[in-house]
Amino acid sequence: METLTPSPATCEVWSVIKFLNAQSIVPIEIHRQLCQVYGPNIMSKQMVRRWCRRFSEGRQSVHDEECSGRLFLINVNLVELVLQRVMENRRFTITELSSQVPQISRFLLNDMAKKYLLFQKLCVRWVPKSLTPEHKIQHLGAALTFLQRYHDDGNEFLDRMVADDETWIWYFPPETKQQSLHWRIPCQDEIQTDAVGAESDVYSVMR
């Protein structure tokens, strides 16, 4: 089928999605029909699913929700471009993203990432702050003392121990909180941190 409208208005595309979603048509079929009419680059399947979810949750408007005193320049192509950059690097900063998409202001980029793409920042850092060399020596000394007592007394030593609020500390130089930030969609599974190497040691410390 020949493409009828190669450059439709954003509200037109959203209206089609809203209409088909109201007929209980699945997002994958809505995407197929959009591509059939407007061309294969009109919108990704992921974006179609997001808009179907918004309309199913009660959204009625097919227009940008404007704020007084500020003109919205967001369209489908810009949202798709930002989404592509985000998926390439989940640890991006608005500054880095702005250098890759210079035609969009930093404020608008932040707005698109949070309000339109529904991304949130997730900190994957596990240790609140770096341990000092003295702390590491103390923890290692305590662990060796416990191990020696266990070798000397066996299970009787374990029976005399009272565990309360155990804390696991990874023995590795952690990255900063800012470096560990990921962008994620709320409905996605938790992003597992890759800050810990395969050979990292683990110490159990009782408080």
Protein backbone atom coordinates (compact mmCIF):
# COMPACT_ATOMS: atom_id res chain seq x y z
CA MET A 1 0.00 0.00 0.00
CA GLU A 2 1.37 3.41 -0.96
CA THR A 3 2.28 5.83 1.81
CA LEU A 4 -0.49 8.43 2.05
CA THR A 5 0.93 10.93 4.54
CA PRO A 6 4.73 10.79 4.87
CA SER A 7 4.96 13.67 7.40
CA PRO A 8 1.84 13.68 9.59
CA ALA A 9 1.29 15.99 12.54
CA THR A 10 2.07 14.46 15.91
CA CYS A 11 -1.51 14.88 17.12
CA GLU A 12 -2.74 12.99 14.05
CA VAL A 13 -0.59 9.96 14.85
CA TRP A 14 -1.62 10.03 18.50
CA SER A 15 -5.29 10.28 17.46
CA VAL A 16 -4.95 7.14 15.35
CA ILE A 17 -3.32 5.29 18.24
CA LYS A 18 -6.06 6.44 20.63
CA PHE A 19 -8.82 5.34 18.23
CA LEU A 20 -7.35 1.91 17.53
CA ASN A 21 -6.48 1.35 21.19
CA ALA A 22 -10.12 2.09 22.11
CA GLN A 23 -11.08 -0.75 19.78
CA SER A 24 -8.86 -3.09 21.83
CA ILE A 25 -6.39 -3.54 18.99
CA VAL A 26 -3.01 -4.71 20.28
CA PRO A 27 -0.04 -2.30 20.00
CA ILE A 28 1.85 -4.51 17.52
CA GLU A 29 -1.10 -4.36 15.11
CA ILE A 30 -1.47 -0.60 15.63
CA HIS A 31 2.21 -0.18 14.76
CA ARG A 32 1.75 -2.27 11.60
CA GLN A 33 -1.16 -0.12 10.45
CA LEU A 34 0.71 3.11 11.19
CA CYS A 35 3.68 1.95 9.11
CA GLN A 36 1.34 0.89 6.32
CA VAL A 37 -0.20 4.36 6.07
CA TYR A 38 2.57 6.73 7.18
CA GLY A 39 5.73 4.80 6.36
CA PRO A 40 8.07 2.48 8.32
CA ASN A 41 9.80 5.28 10.24
CA ILE A 42 6.71 6.89 11.71
CA MET A 43 7.13 5.46 15.23
CA SER A 44 8.80 2.52 16.96
CA LYS A 45 6.85 -0.37 18.47
CA GLN A 46 8.05 0.65 21.91
CA MET A 47 6.61 4.15 21.56
CA VAL A 48 3.30 2.77 20.29
CA ARG A 49 3.07 0.55 23.37
CA ARG A 50 3.76 3.53 25.64
CA TRP A 51 1.04 5.65 24.08
CA CYS A 52 -1.42 2.77 24.23
CA ARG A 53 -0.66 2.47 27.94
CA ARG A 54 -1.20 6.20 28.49
CA PHE A 55 -4.56 6.19 26.73
CA SER A 56 -5.60 3.03 28.59
CA GLU A 57 -4.72 4.76 31.87
CA GLY A 58 -7.16 7.56 31.08
CA ARG A 59 -5.34 10.16 28.99
CA GLN A 60 -7.76 11.96 26.67
CA SER A 61 -5.73 14.70 25.00
CA VAL A 62 -3.84 14.02 21.78
CA HIS A 63 -2.00 17.33 22.02
CA ASP A 64 1.06 18.40 23.98
CA GLU A 65 0.15 19.64 27.43
CA GLU A 66 1.50 23.16 27.16
CA CYS A 67 2.53 25.33 30.09
CA SER A 68 1.89 29.06 30.08
CA GLY A 69 4.75 31.13 28.73
CA ARG A 70 6.58 28.23 27.04
CA LEU A 71 6.21 26.90 23.49
CA PHE A 72 6.48 23.12 23.04
CA LEU A 73 8.51 21.98 20.05
CA ILE A 74 8.34 18.25 20.76
CA ASN A 75 7.31 15.97 17.92
CA VAL A 76 7.47 12.26 17.17
CA ASN A 77 10.80 12.48 15.33
CA LEU A 78 12.54 14.29 18.20
CA VAL A 79 11.20 11.84 20.77
CA GLU A 80 12.40 8.92 18.66
CA LEU A 81 15.84 10.50 18.31
CA VAL A 82 16.20 11.05 22.06
CA LEU A 83 14.95 7.52 22.79
CA GLN A 84 17.57 6.09 20.44
CA ARG A 85 20.37 7.99 22.20
CA VAL A 86 19.11 6.93 25.63
CA MET A 87 18.97 3.24 24.71
CA GLU A 88 22.54 3.42 23.39
CA ASN A 89 23.86 4.60 26.76
CA ARG A 90 21.76 4.30 29.92
CA ARG A 91 24.33 6.27 31.93
CA PHE A 92 24.00 9.42 29.86
CA THR A 93 23.83 12.86 31.40
CA ILE A 94 21.72 15.71 30.04
CA THR A 95 24.97 17.50 29.15
CA GLU A 96 26.21 14.52 27.10
CA LEU A 97 22.82 14.13 25.45
CA SER A 98 22.74 17.84 24.61
CA SER A 99 26.05 17.56 22.76
CA GLN A 100 24.61 14.72 20.63
CA VAL A 101 21.30 16.48 19.98
CA PRO A 102 22.31 20.17 19.79
CA GLN A 103 19.06 21.27 18.14
CA ILE A 104 17.15 20.64 21.40
CA SER A 105 17.62 22.68 24.56
CA ARG A 106 18.81 21.05 27.78
CA PHE A 107 15.53 21.89 29.51
CA LEU A 108 13.50 20.28 26.72
CA LEU A 109 15.75 17.19 26.71
CA ASN A 110 15.22 16.70 30.42
CA ASP A 111 11.47 17.17 29.92
CA MET A 112 11.39 14.59 27.12
CA ALA A 113 13.37 12.00 29.08
CA LYS A 114 11.19 12.24 32.19
CA LYS A 115 7.69 13.22 31.00
CA TYR A 116 7.45 11.78 27.49
CA LEU A 117 9.73 8.74 27.67
CA LEU A 118 8.93 8.17 31.37
CA PHE A 119 12.54 7.46 32.31
CA GLN A 120 13.68 7.66 35.92
CA LYS A 121 17.16 7.74 37.42
CA LEU A 122 18.24 4.67 39.36
CA CYS A 123 21.32 4.63 41.56
CA VAL A 124 22.91 1.17 41.59
CA ARG A 125 25.60 1.94 44.11
CA TRP A 126 25.49 -0.47 47.07
CA VAL A 127 27.98 1.04 49.53
CA PRO A 128 27.06 4.50 50.88
CA LYS A 129 30.68 5.66 50.89
CA SER A 130 34.18 4.33 50.34
CA LEU A 131 35.82 2.48 53.21
CA THR A 132 39.04 3.93 54.56
CA PRO A 133 42.17 1.71 54.76
CA GLU A 134 41.67 1.59 58.54
CA HIS A 135 38.11 0.29 58.12
CA LYS A 136 39.27 -2.41 55.72
CA ILE A 137 41.99 -3.53 58.15
CA GLN A 138 39.50 -3.63 61.04
CA HIS A 139 36.97 -5.66 59.04
CA LEU A 140 39.62 -8.08 57.83
CA GLY A 141 40.99 -8.47 61.36
CA ALA A 142 37.51 -9.17 62.76
CA ALA A 143 36.84 -11.75 60.05
CA LEU A 144 40.14 -13.52 60.73
CA THR A 145 39.42 -13.50 64.48
CA PHE A 146 36.01 -15.09 63.93
CA LEU A 147 37.54 -17.68 61.63
CA GLN A 148 40.23 -18.59 64.17
CA ARG A 149 37.67 -18.88 66.98
CA TYR A 150 35.58 -21.17 64.81
CA HIS A 151 38.58 -23.41 64.11
CA ASP A 152 39.34 -23.55 67.86
CA ASP A 153 35.82 -24.01 69.27
CA GLY A 154 33.84 -25.36 66.31
CA ASN A 155 30.04 -25.06 66.36
CA GLU A 156 30.04 -24.08 70.04
CA PHE A 157 31.45 -20.72 68.98
CA LEU A 158 28.61 -20.24 66.49
CA ASP A 159 26.01 -21.09 69.16
CA ARG A 160 27.28 -18.21 71.31
CA MET A 161 26.94 -15.65 68.49
CA VAL A 162 23.94 -13.35 68.21
CA ALA A 163 23.35 -11.97 64.69
CA ASP A 164 21.55 -8.64 64.35
CA ASP A 165 21.06 -6.58 61.19
CA GLU A 166 23.84 -8.06 59.08
CA THR A 167 25.46 -5.81 56.49
CA TRP A 168 27.24 -7.06 53.37
CA ILE A 169 30.17 -4.95 52.23
CA TRP A 170 31.85 -5.51 48.87
CA TYR A 171 35.60 -5.19 49.09
CA PHE A 172 36.31 -3.06 46.02
CA PRO A 173 36.82 0.65 45.27
CA PRO A 174 33.21 1.73 44.50
CA GLU A 175 32.37 4.31 41.87
CA THR A 176 30.72 7.54 42.89
CA LYS A 177 26.95 7.84 43.22
CA GLN A 178 26.77 10.14 40.18
CA GLN A 179 28.75 7.66 38.05
CA SER A 180 26.43 4.81 38.97
CA LEU A 181 23.18 6.49 37.86
CA HIS A 182 21.16 4.69 35.18
CA TRP A 183 18.06 5.81 33.35
CA ARG A 184 15.28 3.23 33.48
CA ILE A 185 11.58 2.86 32.74
CA PRO A 186 9.48 2.25 35.89
CA CYS A 187 7.95 -0.96 34.52
CA GLN A 188 11.34 -2.52 33.74
CA ASP A 189 13.21 -4.88 36.04
CA GLU A 190 15.91 -3.50 38.28
CA ILE A 191 19.18 -2.84 36.47
CA GLN A 192 21.93 -4.93 38.00
CA THR A 193 25.09 -3.08 38.84
CA ASP A 194 28.26 -3.94 36.95
CA ALA A 195 30.52 -2.10 39.37
CA VAL A 196 31.68 -5.29 41.11
CA GLY A 197 34.22 -7.46 39.36
CA ALA A 198 34.04 -11.23 39.24
CA GLU A 199 36.94 -11.57 41.66
CA SER A 200 35.61 -9.14 44.31
CA ASP A 201 35.70 -10.42 47.89
CA VAL A 202 32.72 -10.20 50.20
CA TYR A 203 32.86 -9.64 53.93
CA SER A 204 29.93 -10.06 56.32
CA VAL A 205 30.02 -7.44 59.05
CA MET A 206 27.71 -7.45 62.07
CA ARG A 207 26.63 -4.17 63.58
